[in-house]
Each structure stands twice: as structure tokens, then as C-alpha cells.
Amino acid sequence: MNHVKHVIPMSDSSVSIKPEDIQPTVLPDAFIQSEIVRKLNTLSLPRYDQLPNVTLYRDQVIEYVALWMEPLSICVELLSLRHR
């Protein structure tokens, strides 16, 4: 017997939703093997004893933190594309 799953609309006047309407746009395996995940896997933050033991100006601190957080920049790019 062939069973087909149907999605029930929220109201009688709504358009029927087909299974292909709710398919993911990115398959999990493709995402796991993507450049984004590879970059995120390289994220490594310094331990406290690895931080410079010198007085830094604010701009220098921001630059230093930005250097370590660079692998996360892809997330910011993706969020900005999503909200366009």
C-alpha cells in the first residue's frame, strides 16, 4: 500500500501545501561538508595565558579580537544576505 503524507492547511481558505514546498533548500550533508562549516571548525580562541601581556589601545584590542573571530564572519555575511 502506498502511503502519501499530506500537509493539512491551517484554514479552509488557504492554499494546499505540497510536500515539495517544505523540502529543505540545503541538505544537511551538503551543509556539513560546506566551506562555512569548515571555517567554523577552524575557530580557536586564545586561552587567557595566550593573551598579550601588554597595554593595548581600544583599536588594538578590537583588531586582535577580530582576528580570532574571523571564522565567524561567514555567519554575519549569511545573516546579512538572508535579511535583504
C-alpha atoms as a PDB file:
ATOM      1  CA  MET A   1       0.000   0.000   0.000  1.00  0.00           C
ATOM      2  CA  ASN A   2       1.387   3.404  -0.985  1.00  0.00           C
ATOM      3  CA  HIS A   3       1.020   5.965   1.811  1.00  0.00           C
ATOM      4  CA  VAL A   4       1.445   9.607   0.862  1.00  0.00           C
ATOM      5  CA  LYS A   5       1.787  12.153   3.649  1.00  0.00           C
ATOM      6  CA  HIS A   6      -0.340  15.242   3.259  1.00  0.00           C
ATOM      7  CA  VAL A   7       0.086  18.575   4.992  1.00  0.00           C
ATOM      8  CA  ILE A   8      -3.185  19.932   6.302  1.00  0.00           C
ATOM      9  CA  PRO A   9      -3.711  23.661   5.609  1.00  0.00           C
ATOM     10  CA  MET A  10      -4.246  25.979   8.586  1.00  0.00           C
ATOM     11  CA  SER A  11      -7.650  27.113   7.319  1.00  0.00           C
ATOM     12  CA  ASP A  12     -10.183  26.134   4.704  1.00  0.00           C
ATOM     13  CA  SER A  13      -9.331  29.119   2.529  1.00  0.00           C
ATOM     14  CA  SER A  14      -5.560  28.596   2.469  1.00  0.00           C
ATOM     15  CA  VAL A  15      -3.679  27.114  -0.421  1.00  0.00           C
ATOM     16  CA  SER A  16      -2.745  23.479  -0.056  1.00  0.00           C
ATOM     17  CA  ILE A  17       0.884  22.867   0.836  1.00  0.00           C
ATOM     18  CA  LYS A  18       2.643  20.215  -1.205  1.00  0.00           C
ATOM     19  CA  PRO A  19       5.476  18.103   0.230  1.00  0.00           C
ATOM     20  CA  GLU A  20       7.975  19.749  -2.142  1.00  0.00           C
ATOM     21  CA  ASP A  21       7.043  23.147  -0.653  1.00  0.00           C
ATOM     22  CA  ILE A  22       8.585  22.147   2.662  1.00  0.00           C
ATOM     23  CA  GLN A  23      11.728  20.448   1.396  1.00  0.00           C
ATOM     24  CA  PRO A  24      14.937  21.909   2.851  1.00  0.00           C
ATOM     25  CA  THR A  25      16.864  24.142   0.483  1.00  0.00           C
ATOM     26  CA  VAL A  26      20.204  22.879   1.784  1.00  0.00           C
ATOM     27  CA  LEU A  27      20.554  19.225   2.594  1.00  0.00           C
ATOM     28  CA  PRO A  28      22.251  18.558   5.950  1.00  0.00           C
ATOM     29  CA  ASP A  29      25.085  16.523   4.395  1.00  0.00           C
ATOM     30  CA  ALA A  30      25.829  19.288   1.909  1.00  0.00           C
ATOM     31  CA  PHE A  31      25.909  21.851   4.721  1.00  0.00           C
ATOM     32  CA  ILE A  32      28.163  19.710   6.913  1.00  0.00           C
ATOM     33  CA  GLN A  33      30.656  19.420   4.058  1.00  0.00           C
ATOM     34  CA  SER A  34      30.411  23.093   3.107  1.00  0.00           C
ATOM     35  CA  GLU A  35      33.056  25.798   3.266  1.00  0.00           C
ATOM     36  CA  ILE A  36      31.057  27.510   6.018  1.00  0.00           C
ATOM     37  CA  VAL A  37      31.336  24.547   8.378  1.00  0.00           C
ATOM     38  CA  ARG A  38      34.990  24.057   7.505  1.00  0.00           C
ATOM     39  CA  LYS A  39      35.690  27.671   8.517  1.00  0.00           C
ATOM     40  CA  LEU A  40      33.698  27.337  11.721  1.00  0.00           C
ATOM     41  CA  ASN A  41      35.619  24.200  12.626  1.00  0.00           C
ATOM     42  CA  THR A  42      38.841  26.207  12.465  1.00  0.00           C
ATOM     43  CA  LEU A  43      37.627  28.623  15.144  1.00  0.00           C
ATOM     44  CA  SER A  44      40.056  28.558  18.020  1.00  0.00           C
ATOM     45  CA  LEU A  45      40.038  31.231  20.701  1.00  0.00           C
ATOM     46  CA  PRO A  46      43.149  32.003  22.750  1.00  0.00           C
ATOM     47  CA  ARG A  47      43.400  30.957  26.379  1.00  0.00           C
ATOM     48  CA  TYR A  48      43.889  33.659  28.960  1.00  0.00           C
ATOM     49  CA  ASP A  49      47.607  32.934  29.276  1.00  0.00           C
ATOM     50  CA  GLN A  50      47.974  33.310  25.493  1.00  0.00           C
ATOM     51  CA  LEU A  51      46.688  36.901  25.528  1.00  0.00           C
ATOM     52  CA  PRO A  52      49.319  39.624  25.101  1.00  0.00           C
ATOM     53  CA  ASN A  53      50.644  40.880  28.414  1.00  0.00           C
ATOM     54  CA  VAL A  54      50.995  44.479  27.261  1.00  0.00           C
ATOM     55  CA  THR A  55      48.796  47.537  27.481  1.00  0.00           C
ATOM     56  CA  LEU A  56      46.685  47.821  24.337  1.00  0.00           C
ATOM     57  CA  TYR A  57      44.666  50.680  22.935  1.00  0.00           C
ATOM     58  CA  ARG A  58      40.995  50.054  22.171  1.00  0.00           C
ATOM     59  CA  ASP A  59      41.606  49.820  18.413  1.00  0.00           C
ATOM     60  CA  GLN A  60      44.335  47.251  19.003  1.00  0.00           C
ATOM     61  CA  VAL A  61      42.030  45.134  21.190  1.00  0.00           C
ATOM     62  CA  ILE A  62      39.269  45.270  18.567  1.00  0.00           C
ATOM     63  CA  GLU A  63      41.711  44.268  15.831  1.00  0.00           C
ATOM     64  CA  TYR A  64      43.086  41.420  17.951  1.00  0.00           C
ATOM     65  CA  VAL A  65      39.611  40.052  18.770  1.00  0.00           C
ATOM     66  CA  ALA A  66      38.504  40.427  15.142  1.00  0.00           C
ATOM     67  CA  LEU A  67      41.490  38.359  14.043  1.00  0.00           C
ATOM     68  CA  TRP A  68      40.489  35.476  16.317  1.00  0.00           C
ATOM     69  CA  MET A  69      36.796  35.750  15.400  1.00  0.00           C
ATOM     70  CA  GLU A  70      37.356  35.841  11.618  1.00  0.00           C
ATOM     71  CA  PRO A  71      35.974  32.322  11.039  1.00  0.00           C
ATOM     72  CA  LEU A  72      32.602  33.577  12.332  1.00  0.00           C
ATOM     73  CA  SER A  73      32.484  36.358   9.721  1.00  0.00           C
ATOM     74  CA  ILE A  74      30.836  33.940   7.288  1.00  0.00           C
ATOM     75  CA  CYS A  75      27.851  33.761   9.666  1.00  0.00           C
ATOM     76  CA  VAL A  76      27.494  37.538   9.608  1.00  0.00           C
ATOM     77  CA  GLU A  77      27.641  37.512   5.804  1.00  0.00           C
ATOM     78  CA  LEU A  78      24.956  34.830   5.607  1.00  0.00           C
ATOM     79  CA  LEU A  79      22.679  36.699   8.007  1.00  0.00           C
ATOM     80  CA  SER A  80      23.040  39.912   6.023  1.00  0.00           C
ATOM     81  CA  LEU A  81      22.132  38.081   2.805  1.00  0.00           C
ATOM     82  CA  ARG A  82      19.128  36.470   4.483  1.00  0.00           C
ATOM     83  CA  HIS A  83      17.702  39.799   5.679  1.00  0.00           C
ATOM     84  CA  ARG A  84      17.831  41.527   2.283  1.00  0.00           C
END
